C-alpha atoms as a PDB file:
ATOM      1  CA  MET A   1     -36.470 126.105 151.403  1.00  0.00           C
ATOM      2  CA  ASP A   2     -36.734 122.695 149.717  1.00  0.00           C
ATOM      3  CA  GLN A   3     -34.419 119.987 150.873  1.00  0.00           C
ATOM      4  CA  LEU A   4     -32.231 117.950 148.619  1.00  0.00           C
ATOM      5  CA  PHE A   5     -30.925 114.596 149.769  1.00  0.00           C
ATOM      6  CA  ALA A   6     -27.009 114.547 149.435  1.00  0.00           C
ATOM      7  CA  PRO A   7     -25.689 111.556 151.341  1.00  0.00           C
ATOM      8  CA  TRP A   8     -22.083 112.266 150.076  1.00  0.00           C
ATOM      9  CA  ARG A   9     -21.995 115.277 152.245  1.00  0.00           C
ATOM     10  CA  ILE A  10     -21.773 113.289 155.447  1.00  0.00           C
ATOM     11  CA  GLU A  11     -18.073 112.843 154.855  1.00  0.00           C
ATOM     12  CA  TRP A  12     -17.702 116.534 155.337  1.00  0.00           C
ATOM     13  CA  VAL A  13     -19.854 116.658 158.440  1.00  0.00           C
ATOM     14  CA  GLU A  14     -18.055 113.707 160.062  1.00  0.00           C
ATOM     15  CA  ARG A  15     -14.469 114.610 159.146  1.00  0.00           C
ATOM     16  CA  ASP A  16     -11.866 114.918 161.755  1.00  0.00           C
ATOM     17  CA  GLY A  17     -11.696 118.682 162.029  1.00  0.00           C
ATOM     18  CA  GLY A  18      -8.855 118.542 164.661  1.00  0.00           C
ATOM     19  CA  ASP A  19      -8.092 121.097 167.076  1.00  0.00           C
ATOM     20  CA  ASP A  20      -4.323 120.949 167.098  1.00  0.00           C
ATOM     21  CA  GLY A  21      -3.535 122.364 163.592  1.00  0.00           C
ATOM     22  CA  ASP A  22      -0.295 124.413 163.442  1.00  0.00           C
ATOM     23  CA  ASP A  23       0.316 126.586 160.445  1.00  0.00           C
ATOM     24  CA  GLY A  24       3.713 127.902 161.742  1.00  0.00           C
ATOM     25  CA  ASP A  25       2.292 131.276 162.537  1.00  0.00           C
ATOM     26  CA  ASP A  26       2.360 132.676 166.025  1.00  0.00           C
ATOM     27  CA  GLY A  27      -1.470 133.423 165.882  1.00  0.00           C
ATOM     28  CA  ASP A  28      -4.040 130.937 167.323  1.00  0.00           C
ATOM     29  CA  ASP A  29      -5.669 129.093 164.594  1.00  0.00           C
ATOM     30  CA  GLY A  30      -8.164 127.368 166.907  1.00  0.00           C
ATOM     31  CA  GLY A  31      -8.514 124.406 164.673  1.00  0.00           C
ATOM     32  CA  CYS A  32      -9.078 126.396 161.580  1.00  0.00           C
ATOM     33  CA  PRO A  33      -9.835 123.899 158.688  1.00  0.00           C
ATOM     34  CA  PHE A  34      -7.725 125.913 156.316  1.00  0.00           C
ATOM     35  CA  CYS A  35      -4.710 125.256 158.696  1.00  0.00           C
ATOM     36  CA  THR A  36      -5.466 121.642 159.570  1.00  0.00           C
ATOM     37  CA  LEU A  37      -6.515 120.286 156.140  1.00  0.00           C
ATOM     38  CA  PRO A  38      -3.120 121.030 154.480  1.00  0.00           C
ATOM     39  CA  ASP A  39      -1.225 119.498 157.357  1.00  0.00           C
ATOM     40  CA  ASP A  40      -3.053 116.305 156.912  1.00  0.00           C
ATOM     41  CA  ASP A  41      -1.488 113.807 154.508  1.00  0.00           C
ATOM     42  CA  ALA A  42      -4.685 113.322 152.514  1.00  0.00           C
ATOM     43  CA  ASP A  43      -4.955 115.814 149.742  1.00  0.00           C
ATOM     44  CA  ARG A  44      -7.542 113.989 147.580  1.00  0.00           C
ATOM     45  CA  GLN A  45      -9.732 113.112 150.594  1.00  0.00           C
ATOM     46  CA  ASN A  46      -9.566 116.879 151.803  1.00  0.00           C
ATOM     47  CA  ARG A  47      -9.930 118.065 148.085  1.00  0.00           C
ATOM     48  CA  ILE A  48      -6.735 119.986 147.965  1.00  0.00           C
ATOM     49  CA  VAL A  49      -6.051 119.960 144.344  1.00  0.00           C
ATOM     50  CA  ALA A  50      -2.857 122.078 144.019  1.00  0.00           C
ATOM     51  CA  ARG A  51      -0.180 123.497 146.217  1.00  0.00           C
ATOM     52  CA  SER A  52       2.545 126.265 145.879  1.00  0.00           C
ATOM     53  CA  ASP A  53       5.020 127.348 148.357  1.00  0.00           C
ATOM     54  CA  ARG A  54       2.780 129.659 150.199  1.00  0.00           C
ATOM     55  CA  CYS A  55      -0.841 128.766 149.241  1.00  0.00           C
ATOM     56  CA  PHE A  56      -3.096 125.910 148.148  1.00  0.00           C
ATOM     57  CA  VAL A  57      -6.203 125.330 146.067  1.00  0.00           C
ATOM     58  CA  LEU A  58      -9.140 123.609 147.676  1.00  0.00           C
ATOM     59  CA  LEU A  59     -12.412 122.483 146.026  1.00  0.00           C
ATOM     60  CA  ASN A  60     -15.392 124.204 147.815  1.00  0.00           C
ATOM     61  CA  ASN A  61     -17.539 121.568 149.574  1.00  0.00           C
ATOM     62  CA  TYR A  62     -20.644 123.753 148.794  1.00  0.00           C
ATOM     63  CA  PRO A  63     -19.831 124.899 145.357  1.00  0.00           C
ATOM     64  CA  TYR A  64     -22.059 127.558 143.622  1.00  0.00           C
ATOM     65  CA  ASN A  65     -20.972 125.900 140.336  1.00  0.00           C
ATOM     66  CA  PRO A  66     -18.851 123.022 139.211  1.00  0.00           C
ATOM     67  CA  GLY A  67     -15.164 123.867 139.736  1.00  0.00           C
ATOM     68  CA  HIS A  68     -15.771 126.373 142.502  1.00  0.00           C
ATOM     69  CA  VAL A  69     -12.377 126.523 144.357  1.00  0.00           C
ATOM     70  CA  MET A  70     -10.785 128.633 146.910  1.00  0.00           C
ATOM     71  CA  VAL A  71      -7.064 129.844 146.762  1.00  0.00           C
ATOM     72  CA  ILE A  72      -5.856 129.919 150.322  1.00  0.00           C
ATOM     73  CA  PRO A  73      -2.559 131.164 151.891  1.00  0.00           C
ATOM     74  CA  TYR A  74      -1.097 128.783 154.381  1.00  0.00           C
ATOM     75  CA  ARG A  75      -0.594 131.720 156.823  1.00  0.00           C
ATOM     76  CA  HIS A  76      -3.487 132.007 159.245  1.00  0.00           C
ATOM     77  CA  THR A  77      -4.782 135.517 159.263  1.00  0.00           C
ATOM     78  CA  GLY A  78      -8.211 137.076 158.704  1.00  0.00           C
ATOM     79  CA  GLU A  79      -6.662 140.448 157.532  1.00  0.00           C
ATOM     80  CA  TYR A  80      -5.713 140.647 153.962  1.00  0.00           C
ATOM     81  CA  THR A  81      -3.320 143.563 154.811  1.00  0.00           C
ATOM     82  CA  ASP A  82      -1.326 141.142 157.194  1.00  0.00           C
ATOM     83  CA  LEU A  83      -0.122 139.072 154.201  1.00  0.00           C
ATOM     84  CA  SER A  84       3.489 139.526 153.190  1.00  0.00           C
ATOM     85  CA  ASP A  85       4.565 140.621 149.772  1.00  0.00           C
ATOM     86  CA  ALA A  86       5.729 137.074 149.099  1.00  0.00           C
ATOM     87  CA  ASP A  87       2.353 135.604 150.274  1.00  0.00           C
ATOM     88  CA  LEU A  88       0.476 138.211 148.007  1.00  0.00           C
ATOM     89  CA  LEU A  89       2.545 137.363 144.932  1.00  0.00           C
ATOM     90  CA  ASP A  90       2.296 133.609 145.373  1.00  0.00           C
ATOM     91  CA  HIS A  91      -1.452 133.969 146.004  1.00  0.00           C
ATOM     92  CA  ALA A  92      -1.783 136.025 142.797  1.00  0.00           C
ATOM     93  CA  ARG A  93       0.225 133.614 140.656  1.00  0.00           C
ATOM     94  CA  LEU A  94      -1.701 130.540 141.949  1.00  0.00           C
ATOM     95  CA  LYS A  95      -4.919 132.326 141.169  1.00  0.00           C
ATOM     96  CA  GLN A  96      -3.664 132.711 137.557  1.00  0.00           C
ATOM     97  CA  ARG A  97      -2.718 129.050 137.323  1.00  0.00           C
ATOM     98  CA  THR A  98      -6.180 128.268 138.739  1.00  0.00           C
ATOM     99  CA  PHE A  99      -7.908 130.129 136.070  1.00  0.00           C
ATOM    100  CA  GLU A 100      -5.786 128.378 133.404  1.00  0.00           C
ATOM    101  CA  ALA A 101      -6.548 124.971 134.979  1.00  0.00           C
ATOM    102  CA  LEU A 102     -10.297 125.648 135.178  1.00  0.00           C
ATOM    103  CA  ARG A 103     -10.426 126.746 131.485  1.00  0.00           C
ATOM    104  CA  THR A 104      -8.575 123.545 130.519  1.00  0.00           C
ATOM    105  CA  ALA A 105     -10.714 121.136 132.780  1.00  0.00           C
ATOM    106  CA  ILE A 106     -14.141 122.523 132.458  1.00  0.00           C
ATOM    107  CA  GLY A 107     -14.191 125.397 129.919  1.00  0.00           C
ATOM    108  CA  PRO A 108     -16.282 128.088 131.606  1.00  0.00           C
ATOM    109  CA  ASP A 109     -17.298 131.254 129.715  1.00  0.00           C
ATOM    110  CA  ALA A 110     -16.231 133.501 132.659  1.00  0.00           C
ATOM    111  CA  PHE A 111     -15.223 133.692 136.378  1.00  0.00           C
ATOM    112  CA  ASN A 112     -16.226 135.324 139.596  1.00  0.00           C
ATOM    113  CA  ALA A 113     -13.308 135.733 141.996  1.00  0.00           C
ATOM    114  CA  GLY A 114     -13.419 137.431 145.321  1.00  0.00           C
ATOM    115  CA  LEU A 115     -12.787 137.601 148.993  1.00  0.00           C
ATOM    116  CA  ASN A 116     -15.348 137.679 151.770  1.00  0.00           C
ATOM    117  CA  LEU A 117     -13.412 139.507 154.504  1.00  0.00           C
ATOM    118  CA  GLY A 118     -15.227 139.228 157.790  1.00  0.00           C
ATOM    119  CA  GLY A 119     -18.494 137.606 158.846  1.00  0.00           C
ATOM    120  CA  PRO A 120     -20.890 140.451 157.693  1.00  0.00           C
ATOM    121  CA  ALA A 121     -19.296 140.175 154.202  1.00  0.00           C
ATOM    122  CA  GLY A 122     -20.480 136.525 153.958  1.00  0.00           C
ATOM    123  CA  GLY A 123     -17.319 134.859 155.077  1.00  0.00           C
ATOM    124  CA  SER A 124     -18.166 131.531 156.847  1.00  0.00           C
ATOM    125  CA  ILE A 125     -14.536 131.231 157.922  1.00  0.00           C
ATOM    126  CA  GLU A 126     -13.661 134.774 158.523  1.00  0.00           C
ATOM    127  CA  ASP A 127     -10.306 134.409 160.448  1.00  0.00           C
ATOM    128  CA  HIS A 128      -8.390 132.868 157.359  1.00  0.00           C
ATOM    129  CA  VAL A 129      -8.166 134.823 154.211  1.00  0.00           C
ATOM    130  CA  HIS A 130      -9.261 132.889 151.103  1.00  0.00           C
ATOM    131  CA  THR A 131     -10.253 133.802 147.588  1.00  0.00           C
ATOM    132  CA  HIS A 132     -13.235 132.189 145.943  1.00  0.00           C
ATOM    133  CA  VAL A 133     -12.944 131.386 142.207  1.00  0.00           C
ATOM    134  CA  VAL A 134     -16.312 130.502 140.769  1.00  0.00           C
ATOM    135  CA  PRO A 135     -16.533 129.304 137.053  1.00  0.00           C
ATOM    136  CA  ARG A 136     -19.520 130.760 135.237  1.00  0.00           C
ATOM    137  CA  TRP A 137     -21.391 129.901 132.039  1.00  0.00           C
ATOM    138  CA  SER A 138     -23.785 131.866 129.975  1.00  0.00           C
ATOM    139  CA  GLY A 139     -27.248 130.901 131.340  1.00  0.00           C
ATOM    140  CA  ASP A 140     -26.027 129.116 134.426  1.00  0.00           C
ATOM    141  CA  THR A 141     -28.626 130.882 136.508  1.00  0.00           C
ATOM    142  CA  ASN A 142     -32.071 129.321 135.929  1.00  0.00           C
ATOM    143  CA  PHE A 143     -35.371 128.945 137.737  1.00  0.00           C
ATOM    144  CA  MET A 144     -34.174 126.461 140.330  1.00  0.00           C
ATOM    145  CA  PRO A 145     -32.127 128.840 142.541  1.00  0.00           C
ATOM    146  CA  VAL A 146     -34.128 131.828 141.656  1.00  0.00           C
ATOM    147  CA  ILE A 147     -37.693 130.490 142.019  1.00  0.00           C
ATOM    148  CA  GLY A 148     -37.215 127.062 143.517  1.00  0.00           C
ATOM    149  CA  ASP A 149     -34.512 128.089 146.113  1.00  0.00           C
ATOM    150  CA  THR A 150     -32.627 125.073 145.213  1.00  0.00           C
ATOM    151  CA  LYS A 151     -29.131 124.668 143.528  1.00  0.00           C
ATOM    152  CA  VAL A 152     -28.534 121.838 141.161  1.00  0.00           C
ATOM    153  CA  LEU A 153     -24.965 120.470 140.926  1.00  0.00           C
ATOM    154  CA  VAL A 154     -24.330 118.754 137.662  1.00  0.00           C
ATOM    155  CA  GLU A 155     -21.023 116.917 138.606  1.00  0.00           C
ATOM    156  CA  ALA A 156     -19.776 115.034 141.639  1.00  0.00           C
ATOM    157  CA  LEU A 157     -16.977 116.757 143.522  1.00  0.00           C
ATOM    158  CA  GLU A 158     -14.709 113.750 143.046  1.00  0.00           C
ATOM    159  CA  ASP A 159     -15.121 113.968 139.182  1.00  0.00           C
ATOM    160  CA  THR A 160     -14.404 117.744 139.298  1.00  0.00           C
ATOM    161  CA  TYR A 161     -11.342 117.089 141.468  1.00  0.00           C
ATOM    162  CA  ASP A 162      -9.999 114.575 138.950  1.00  0.00           C
ATOM    163  CA  ARG A 163     -10.465 116.846 135.973  1.00  0.00           C
ATOM    164  CA  LEU A 164      -8.869 119.917 137.720  1.00  0.00           C
ATOM    165  CA  HIS A 165      -6.104 117.775 139.120  1.00  0.00           C
ATOM    166  CA  ALA A 166      -5.265 116.637 135.605  1.00  0.00           C
ATOM    167  CA  ALA A 167      -5.418 120.154 134.264  1.00  0.00           C
ATOM    168  CA  PHE A 168      -3.056 121.541 136.955  1.00  0.00           C
ATOM    169  CA  ALA A 169      -0.588 118.538 136.254  1.00  0.00           C
ATOM    170  CA  GLU A 170      -0.302 119.509 132.635  1.00  0.00           C
ATOM    171  CA  GLN A 171       0.892 122.996 133.576  1.00  0.00           C
ATOM    172  CA  GLU A 172       4.558 124.019 133.182  1.00  0.00           C
ATOM    173  CA  GLY A 173       6.604 123.339 136.277  1.00  0.00           C
ATOM    174  CA  ALA A 174       3.889 121.102 137.914  1.00  0.00           C
ATOM    175  CA  THR A 175       4.768 117.855 139.599  1.00  0.00           C
ATOM    176  CA  VAL A 176       2.682 115.111 141.143  1.00  0.00           C
ATOM    177  CA  HIS A 177       4.034 112.917 143.762  1.00  0.00           C
ATOM    178  CA  GLY A 178       1.578 109.960 144.135  1.00  0.00           C
ATOM    179  CA  GLY A 179      -2.029 109.514 143.044  1.00  0.00           C
ATOM    180  CA  ASP A 180      -3.667 111.057 146.046  1.00  0.00           C
ATOM    181  CA  ALA A 181      -1.187 114.053 146.348  1.00  0.00           C
ATOM    182  CA  ALA A 182      -2.125 117.538 145.177  1.00  0.00           C
ATOM    183  CA  VAL A 183      -0.268 118.879 142.195  1.00  0.00           C
ATOM    184  CA  ARG A 184       2.780 120.859 143.303  1.00  0.00           C
ATOM    185  CA  ILE A 185       3.111 124.143 141.450  1.00  0.00           C
ATOM    186  CA  ARG A 186       6.530 125.921 141.365  1.00  0.00           C
ATOM    187  CA  PHE A 187       6.929 129.427 140.034  1.00  0.00           C
ATOM    188  CA  ASP A 188      10.067 130.554 138.289  1.00  0.00           C
END
């Protein structure tokens, strides 16, 4: 595989992953990034773009396409069937808002949305349920990933964050508390 120089990725490699995250669940999260990142008071730095009562939206650090996000319950579990009805409803509603925000921010033609449950399914973080939402455009697959085994990203993550943050902020019932805070989404 060819290598692509990406010096901005060093921030993710050198981040303080922490081992003492506590998501309020009785299960051991073992320093799970999906538990420690939302507990940190640095939403923009951690790329948490929106939050609801039970879930949050996180930009993927290794996006397949611009706007690739994950909708993640705060509850630490790798089993989808362990999520409560309230968790599931909040998760589904935040996914709807995420589709709306992505349409407003970057105007994709379609979406892929799905769960990788367990390591063999492709989940790199298999002990914390999360749904990937990947914006798609007609013709977004070209020779680079197919023949060249290289993915070209056309927008910096910080720029995608700003556009998506603004789109979430425009939604009904959304509030923002400070420039670096995630948009807070309330459901009626």
